[in-house]
Amino acid sequence: MNETIELVLFVYGLGAVIALGAAVLIKLIVAILAWVDRPQAQPQSVAPPAQPAVADGVPAHHLVAIAAAAHAMVGAHRIVHIGAARSGAGWSAEGRFAQHGSHNISHHH
């Protein structure tokens, strides 16, 4: 019986060591991937605007606030359009498709 208890403790300890090793390996992989994907320092250059500072009736001081907020959130990216969202037929068609798909009648035999 003594050998059985020793074997059980050995297997339990070996399982704990393997689990700990796997956890450390996963943590190491995550840390390496985070280190590789970190944003690189880019030179801060401001390109002149391609269009006037008023778009779709949005006042210039609102555009400045939106651009500053976007820069603070996502970094130095070029803002292509600021204005009212254009709705397309895609969203309404997708909604109708989902609604009609939920009305399927299932026939159980």
Protein backbone atom coordinates (compact mmCIF):
# COMPACT_ATOMS: atom_id res chain seq x y z
CA MET A 1 0.00 0.00 0.00
CA ASN A 2 2.94 2.29 0.69
CA GLU A 3 4.16 2.02 -2.91
CA THR A 4 0.69 2.89 -4.19
CA ILE A 5 0.54 6.08 -2.13
CA GLU A 6 4.03 7.07 -3.31
CA LEU A 7 3.01 6.47 -6.93
CA VAL A 8 -0.17 8.53 -6.51
CA LEU A 9 1.76 11.40 -4.93
CA PHE A 10 4.40 11.23 -7.67
CA VAL A 11 1.77 11.32 -10.44
CA TYR A 12 -0.07 14.17 -8.69
CA GLY A 13 3.16 16.15 -8.27
CA LEU A 14 4.19 15.48 -11.87
CA GLY A 15 0.79 16.70 -13.07
CA ALA A 16 1.15 19.87 -11.01
CA VAL A 17 4.63 20.53 -12.41
CA ILE A 18 3.43 19.99 -15.99
CA ALA A 19 0.42 22.29 -15.45
CA LEU A 20 2.63 24.99 -13.94
CA GLY A 21 5.10 24.65 -16.79
CA ALA A 22 2.29 24.99 -19.35
CA ALA A 23 0.94 28.09 -17.57
CA VAL A 24 4.38 29.70 -17.51
CA LEU A 25 4.90 28.87 -21.19
CA ILE A 26 1.54 30.44 -22.13
CA LYS A 27 2.34 33.54 -20.08
CA LEU A 28 5.71 33.81 -21.81
CA ILE A 29 4.13 33.50 -25.26
CA VAL A 30 1.54 36.18 -24.42
CA ALA A 31 4.24 38.52 -23.12
CA ILE A 32 6.36 38.03 -26.25
CA LEU A 33 3.39 38.66 -28.55
CA ALA A 34 2.47 41.81 -26.61
CA TRP A 35 6.07 43.00 -26.86
CA VAL A 36 6.17 42.37 -30.62
CA ASP A 37 2.81 44.11 -31.24
CA ARG A 38 3.58 47.23 -29.22
CA PRO A 39 3.22 50.45 -31.24
CA GLN A 40 6.42 51.81 -32.67
CA ALA A 41 7.31 55.47 -32.16
CA GLN A 42 6.42 57.39 -35.30
CA PRO A 43 7.58 60.86 -36.15
CA GLN A 44 4.92 63.43 -35.39
CA SER A 45 4.23 65.16 -38.66
CA VAL A 46 1.04 66.99 -39.44
CA ALA A 47 -0.09 66.95 -43.05
CA PRO A 48 -2.03 69.96 -44.30
CA PRO A 49 -5.77 69.33 -44.61
CA ALA A 50 -6.92 68.40 -48.08
CA GLN A 51 -10.31 70.08 -47.66
CA PRO A 52 -11.59 73.15 -45.85
CA ALA A 53 -12.14 72.86 -42.09
CA VAL A 54 -15.96 72.80 -42.40
CA ALA A 55 -17.67 69.58 -43.44
CA ASP A 56 -21.41 68.95 -43.68
CA GLY A 57 -22.15 72.04 -41.62
CA VAL A 58 -19.95 70.93 -38.71
CA PRO A 59 -18.27 73.98 -37.16
CA ALA A 60 -14.48 74.17 -37.33
CA HIS A 61 -14.03 74.07 -33.53
CA HIS A 62 -16.03 70.82 -33.40
CA LEU A 63 -13.78 69.32 -36.07
CA VAL A 64 -10.73 70.24 -34.00
CA ALA A 65 -12.22 68.57 -30.90
CA ILE A 66 -13.14 65.42 -32.85
CA ALA A 67 -9.68 65.22 -34.42
CA ALA A 68 -7.98 65.67 -31.03
CA ALA A 69 -10.15 62.96 -29.45
CA ALA A 70 -9.47 60.57 -32.34
CA HIS A 71 -5.74 61.25 -32.09
CA ALA A 72 -5.80 60.62 -28.33
CA MET A 73 -7.66 57.32 -28.77
CA VAL A 74 -6.02 55.74 -31.83
CA GLY A 75 -2.81 57.68 -32.38
CA ALA A 76 -1.54 59.47 -35.44
CA HIS A 77 -3.90 58.37 -38.19
CA ARG A 78 -5.42 60.34 -41.03
CA ILE A 79 -9.09 61.23 -40.56
CA VAL A 80 -10.79 60.77 -43.91
CA HIS A 81 -14.36 61.91 -43.20
CA ILE A 82 -16.25 63.64 -40.41
CA GLY A 83 -19.96 64.00 -40.97
CA ALA A 84 -23.34 62.38 -40.68
CA ALA A 85 -23.42 58.63 -41.17
CA ARG A 86 -24.91 57.49 -44.42
CA SER A 87 -27.38 54.67 -44.04
CA GLY A 88 -27.43 52.05 -46.73
CA ALA A 89 -29.77 49.29 -47.70
CA GLY A 90 -27.41 46.69 -46.25
CA TRP A 91 -28.38 47.16 -42.61
CA SER A 92 -32.11 47.11 -43.25
CA ALA A 93 -31.81 44.10 -45.56
CA GLU A 94 -29.79 42.22 -42.94
CA GLY A 95 -32.40 43.04 -40.29
CA ARG A 96 -35.21 41.76 -42.51
CA PHE A 97 -33.22 38.61 -43.25
CA ALA A 98 -32.71 37.93 -39.53
CA GLN A 99 -36.37 38.59 -38.76
CA HIS A 100 -37.66 36.33 -41.52
CA GLY A 101 -35.17 33.62 -40.64
CA SER A 102 -36.52 33.47 -37.10
CA HIS A 103 -39.97 32.52 -38.44
CA ASN A 104 -38.92 29.20 -39.93
CA ILE A 105 -41.36 26.49 -39.05
CA SER A 106 -39.76 23.23 -38.03
CA HIS A 107 -41.59 20.02 -38.87
CA HIS A 108 -41.03 17.27 -36.35
CA HIS A 109 -41.92 13.76 -37.47
